[in-house]
Amino acid sequence: MVEFEWDEVKRLSYLEKHELDILAARRLFDGRPLFTTTNLHHDELRSVSTGVNEYRHYTVVWTEPDERIRIISFRRARNAEERNYRQL
């Protein structure tokens, strides 16, 4: 079973500003297809994954320290991210 972690202050901020719960990002890791790229951010390897949840495209930025997934951000996918996902 995959373990997740996130910044609770950031989660509450997303709920207030965007009405989007970071916890929903966990659903994207249930084995469904994802379009994922990686990049180095301040010496940390981060992944950016786009997938579909409830008929909408979402993007999650995450890293995987110590065999758990740390969710950094979660949002509706941008147009280019959605196009990349559709090419899977």
N, C-alpha and C. Protein backbone atom coordinates (compact mmCIF):
# COMPACT_ATOMS: atom_id res chain seq x y z
N MET A 1 0.84 -1.19 0.00
CA MET A 1 0.00 0.00 0.00
C MET A 1 0.89 1.25 0.00
N VAL A 2 0.58 2.18 -0.86
CA VAL A 2 1.36 3.40 -0.98
C VAL A 2 0.98 4.35 0.15
N GLU A 3 2.00 4.95 0.74
CA GLU A 3 1.76 5.96 1.77
C GLU A 3 1.94 7.34 1.15
N PHE A 4 1.14 8.30 1.62
CA PHE A 4 1.17 9.66 1.11
C PHE A 4 1.43 10.63 2.25
N GLU A 5 2.02 11.77 1.90
CA GLU A 5 2.15 12.87 2.85
C GLU A 5 1.95 14.17 2.08
N TRP A 6 1.61 15.23 2.80
CA TRP A 6 1.38 16.54 2.21
C TRP A 6 1.49 17.57 3.31
N ASP A 7 1.55 18.82 2.90
CA ASP A 7 1.58 19.95 3.82
C ASP A 7 0.13 20.32 4.12
N GLU A 8 -0.28 20.15 5.37
CA GLU A 8 -1.68 20.39 5.74
C GLU A 8 -2.07 21.86 5.59
N VAL A 9 -1.15 22.76 5.85
CA VAL A 9 -1.44 24.19 5.67
C VAL A 9 -1.72 24.49 4.20
N LYS A 10 -0.90 23.91 3.31
CA LYS A 10 -1.11 24.09 1.87
C LYS A 10 -2.44 23.47 1.45
N ARG A 11 -2.76 22.31 2.00
CA ARG A 11 -4.03 21.64 1.68
C ARG A 11 -5.21 22.54 2.02
N LEU A 12 -5.20 23.13 3.21
CA LEU A 12 -6.31 23.99 3.63
C LEU A 12 -6.37 25.25 2.78
N SER A 13 -5.22 25.75 2.36
CA SER A 13 -5.18 26.92 1.48
C SER A 13 -5.80 26.59 0.12
N TYR A 14 -5.47 25.42 -0.44
CA TYR A 14 -6.06 25.00 -1.72
C TYR A 14 -7.58 24.86 -1.60
N LEU A 15 -8.02 24.31 -0.49
CA LEU A 15 -9.47 24.16 -0.29
C LEU A 15 -10.16 25.52 -0.30
N GLU A 16 -9.56 26.47 0.38
CA GLU A 16 -10.17 27.80 0.48
C GLU A 16 -10.10 28.56 -0.85
N LYS A 17 -8.93 28.57 -1.48
CA LYS A 17 -8.73 29.37 -2.69
C LYS A 17 -9.30 28.73 -3.95
N HIS A 18 -9.14 27.40 -4.06
CA HIS A 18 -9.47 26.73 -5.32
C HIS A 18 -10.59 25.70 -5.20
N GLU A 19 -11.06 25.48 -3.97
CA GLU A 19 -12.06 24.45 -3.72
C GLU A 19 -11.62 23.10 -4.27
N LEU A 20 -10.33 22.81 -4.09
CA LEU A 20 -9.73 21.58 -4.58
C LEU A 20 -8.93 20.96 -3.45
N ASP A 21 -9.21 19.71 -3.14
CA ASP A 21 -8.56 19.04 -2.01
C ASP A 21 -7.37 18.22 -2.50
N ILE A 22 -6.21 18.52 -1.98
CA ILE A 22 -4.99 17.78 -2.33
C ILE A 22 -5.19 16.28 -2.11
N LEU A 23 -6.01 15.90 -1.15
CA LEU A 23 -6.22 14.48 -0.88
C LEU A 23 -6.78 13.75 -2.09
N ALA A 24 -7.51 14.45 -2.95
CA ALA A 24 -8.05 13.83 -4.16
C ALA A 24 -6.95 13.38 -5.11
N ALA A 25 -5.76 13.98 -4.99
CA ALA A 25 -4.64 13.60 -5.85
C ALA A 25 -4.24 12.15 -5.64
N ARG A 26 -4.50 11.62 -4.47
CA ARG A 26 -4.13 10.22 -4.19
C ARG A 26 -4.80 9.26 -5.16
N ARG A 27 -5.98 9.61 -5.65
CA ARG A 27 -6.71 8.74 -6.59
C ARG A 27 -5.95 8.53 -7.89
N LEU A 28 -5.12 9.50 -8.27
CA LEU A 28 -4.38 9.37 -9.52
C LEU A 28 -3.32 8.27 -9.45
N PHE A 29 -3.02 7.79 -8.26
CA PHE A 29 -1.98 6.77 -8.10
C PHE A 29 -2.56 5.37 -7.91
N ASP A 30 -3.78 5.15 -8.38
CA ASP A 30 -4.43 3.85 -8.20
C ASP A 30 -4.20 2.90 -9.38
N GLY A 31 -3.27 3.25 -10.25
CA GLY A 31 -2.96 2.38 -11.39
C GLY A 31 -3.50 2.88 -12.71
N ARG A 32 -4.24 3.95 -12.70
CA ARG A 32 -4.77 4.51 -13.95
C ARG A 32 -3.64 5.11 -14.78
N PRO A 33 -3.84 5.30 -16.07
CA PRO A 33 -2.78 5.88 -16.91
C PRO A 33 -2.46 7.31 -16.47
N LEU A 34 -1.16 7.63 -16.48
CA LEU A 34 -0.69 8.97 -16.15
C LEU A 34 0.36 9.38 -17.17
N PHE A 35 0.37 10.65 -17.53
CA PHE A 35 1.45 11.21 -18.32
C PHE A 35 2.37 11.90 -17.32
N THR A 36 3.62 11.42 -17.21
CA THR A 36 4.53 11.91 -16.18
C THR A 36 5.85 12.38 -16.78
N THR A 37 6.28 13.55 -16.31
CA THR A 37 7.61 14.05 -16.61
C THR A 37 8.31 14.29 -15.28
N THR A 38 9.63 14.37 -15.32
CA THR A 38 10.38 14.65 -14.10
C THR A 38 11.32 15.82 -14.34
N ASN A 39 11.64 16.52 -13.27
CA ASN A 39 12.61 17.61 -13.34
C ASN A 39 13.29 17.76 -11.99
N LEU A 40 14.42 18.41 -12.00
CA LEU A 40 15.18 18.65 -10.78
C LEU A 40 14.84 20.03 -10.27
N HIS A 41 14.40 20.11 -9.02
CA HIS A 41 14.02 21.38 -8.41
C HIS A 41 14.77 21.51 -7.09
N HIS A 42 15.75 22.39 -7.05
CA HIS A 42 16.57 22.59 -5.84
C HIS A 42 17.11 21.26 -5.31
N ASP A 43 17.76 20.51 -6.18
CA ASP A 43 18.37 19.22 -5.82
C ASP A 43 17.36 18.14 -5.42
N GLU A 44 16.10 18.33 -5.75
CA GLU A 44 15.07 17.33 -5.47
C GLU A 44 14.43 16.92 -6.79
N LEU A 45 14.39 15.62 -7.06
CA LEU A 45 13.74 15.12 -8.26
C LEU A 45 12.23 15.14 -8.05
N ARG A 46 11.53 15.91 -8.88
CA ARG A 46 10.07 16.03 -8.78
C ARG A 46 9.42 15.47 -10.03
N SER A 47 8.29 14.86 -9.84
CA SER A 47 7.50 14.34 -10.95
C SER A 47 6.25 15.19 -11.12
N VAL A 48 5.84 15.37 -12.36
CA VAL A 48 4.62 16.09 -12.70
C VAL A 48 3.77 15.11 -13.49
N SER A 49 2.65 14.69 -12.91
CA SER A 49 1.80 13.67 -13.53
C SER A 49 0.42 14.23 -13.81
N THR A 50 -0.09 13.91 -15.01
CA THR A 50 -1.43 14.32 -15.41
C THR A 50 -2.26 13.08 -15.65
N GLY A 51 -3.48 13.10 -15.11
CA GLY A 51 -4.39 11.98 -15.27
C GLY A 51 -5.83 12.47 -15.22
N VAL A 52 -6.74 11.54 -15.33
CA VAL A 52 -8.16 11.86 -15.33
C VAL A 52 -8.80 11.34 -14.05
N ASN A 53 -9.60 12.19 -13.44
CA ASN A 53 -10.38 11.82 -12.27
C ASN A 53 -11.77 12.43 -12.43
N GLU A 54 -12.78 11.59 -12.40
CA GLU A 54 -14.16 12.04 -12.55
C GLU A 54 -14.33 12.91 -13.80
N TYR A 55 -13.78 12.43 -14.92
CA TYR A 55 -13.93 13.04 -16.24
C TYR A 55 -13.21 14.37 -16.42
N ARG A 56 -12.36 14.74 -15.48
CA ARG A 56 -11.58 15.97 -15.60
C ARG A 56 -10.09 15.63 -15.52
N HIS A 57 -9.29 16.43 -16.20
CA HIS A 57 -7.84 16.24 -16.18
C HIS A 57 -7.24 17.05 -15.03
N TYR A 58 -6.38 16.39 -14.27
CA TYR A 58 -5.70 17.03 -13.14
C TYR A 58 -4.21 16.76 -13.24
N THR A 59 -3.44 17.67 -12.66
CA THR A 59 -2.00 17.50 -12.60
C THR A 59 -1.56 17.56 -11.15
N VAL A 60 -0.70 16.63 -10.79
CA VAL A 60 -0.14 16.58 -9.43
C VAL A 60 1.37 16.64 -9.54
N VAL A 61 1.98 17.48 -8.71
CA VAL A 61 3.44 17.55 -8.59
C VAL A 61 3.79 16.80 -7.32
N TRP A 62 4.74 15.89 -7.45
CA TRP A 62 5.05 15.02 -6.31
C TRP A 62 6.50 14.57 -6.34
N THR A 63 6.93 14.07 -5.21
CA THR A 63 8.24 13.47 -5.09
C THR A 63 8.09 12.22 -4.23
N GLU A 64 9.10 11.38 -4.27
CA GLU A 64 8.98 10.10 -3.59
C GLU A 64 10.18 9.84 -2.66
N PRO A 65 10.24 10.57 -1.55
CA PRO A 65 11.31 10.32 -0.60
C PRO A 65 10.96 9.11 0.27
N ASP A 66 11.92 8.27 0.53
CA ASP A 66 11.74 7.17 1.48
C ASP A 66 10.51 6.30 1.20
N GLU A 67 10.24 5.99 -0.07
CA GLU A 67 9.18 5.07 -0.47
C GLU A 67 7.77 5.51 -0.08
N ARG A 68 7.56 6.79 0.03
CA ARG A 68 6.22 7.34 0.19
C ARG A 68 6.09 8.49 -0.79
N ILE A 69 4.88 8.83 -1.15
CA ILE A 69 4.65 9.91 -2.12
C ILE A 69 4.30 11.18 -1.36
N ARG A 70 5.11 12.21 -1.58
CA ARG A 70 4.82 13.52 -0.98
C ARG A 70 4.19 14.39 -2.05
N ILE A 71 2.94 14.76 -1.84
CA ILE A 71 2.20 15.60 -2.78
C ILE A 71 2.58 17.05 -2.53
N ILE A 72 3.10 17.69 -3.57
CA ILE A 72 3.54 19.08 -3.46
C ILE A 72 2.44 20.03 -3.90
N SER A 73 1.78 19.71 -5.02
CA SER A 73 0.66 20.54 -5.47
C SER A 73 -0.28 19.70 -6.32
N PHE A 74 -1.50 20.20 -6.47
CA PHE A 74 -2.55 19.51 -7.21
C PHE A 74 -3.45 20.58 -7.81
N ARG A 75 -3.74 20.44 -9.11
CA ARG A 75 -4.55 21.46 -9.79
C ARG A 75 -5.18 20.87 -11.04
N ARG A 76 -6.10 21.64 -11.61
CA ARG A 76 -6.63 21.27 -12.92
C ARG A 76 -5.49 21.34 -13.92
N ALA A 77 -5.46 20.41 -14.85
CA ALA A 77 -4.39 20.36 -15.85
C ALA A 77 -4.48 21.56 -16.79
N ARG A 78 -3.32 22.03 -17.19
CA ARG A 78 -3.25 23.08 -18.20
C ARG A 78 -3.51 22.45 -19.56
N ASN A 79 -3.81 23.27 -20.56
CA ASN A 79 -4.15 22.75 -21.89
C ASN A 79 -3.05 21.86 -22.45
N ALA A 80 -1.80 22.28 -22.34
CA ALA A 80 -0.69 21.49 -22.88
C ALA A 80 -0.57 20.15 -22.15
N GLU A 81 -0.79 20.14 -20.84
CA GLU A 81 -0.72 18.91 -20.07
C GLU A 81 -1.83 17.95 -20.48
N GLU A 82 -3.00 18.50 -20.72
CA GLU A 82 -4.13 17.67 -21.16
C GLU A 82 -3.84 17.09 -22.55
N ARG A 83 -3.28 17.87 -23.45
CA ARG A 83 -2.93 17.38 -24.78
C ARG A 83 -1.90 16.24 -24.68
N ASN A 84 -0.88 16.42 -23.83
CA ASN A 84 0.12 15.37 -23.65
C ASN A 84 -0.53 14.09 -23.12
N TYR A 85 -1.44 14.23 -22.19
CA TYR A 85 -2.12 13.06 -21.63
C TYR A 85 -2.91 12.33 -22.73
N ARG A 86 -3.58 13.07 -23.57
CA ARG A 86 -4.42 12.47 -24.62
C ARG A 86 -3.59 11.69 -25.64
N GLN A 87 -2.28 11.92 -25.69
CA GLN A 87 -1.41 11.21 -26.61
C GLN A 87 -0.98 9.84 -26.08
N LEU A 88 -1.35 9.52 -24.86
CA LEU A 88 -0.99 8.21 -24.30
C LEU A 88 -1.60 7.08 -25.12
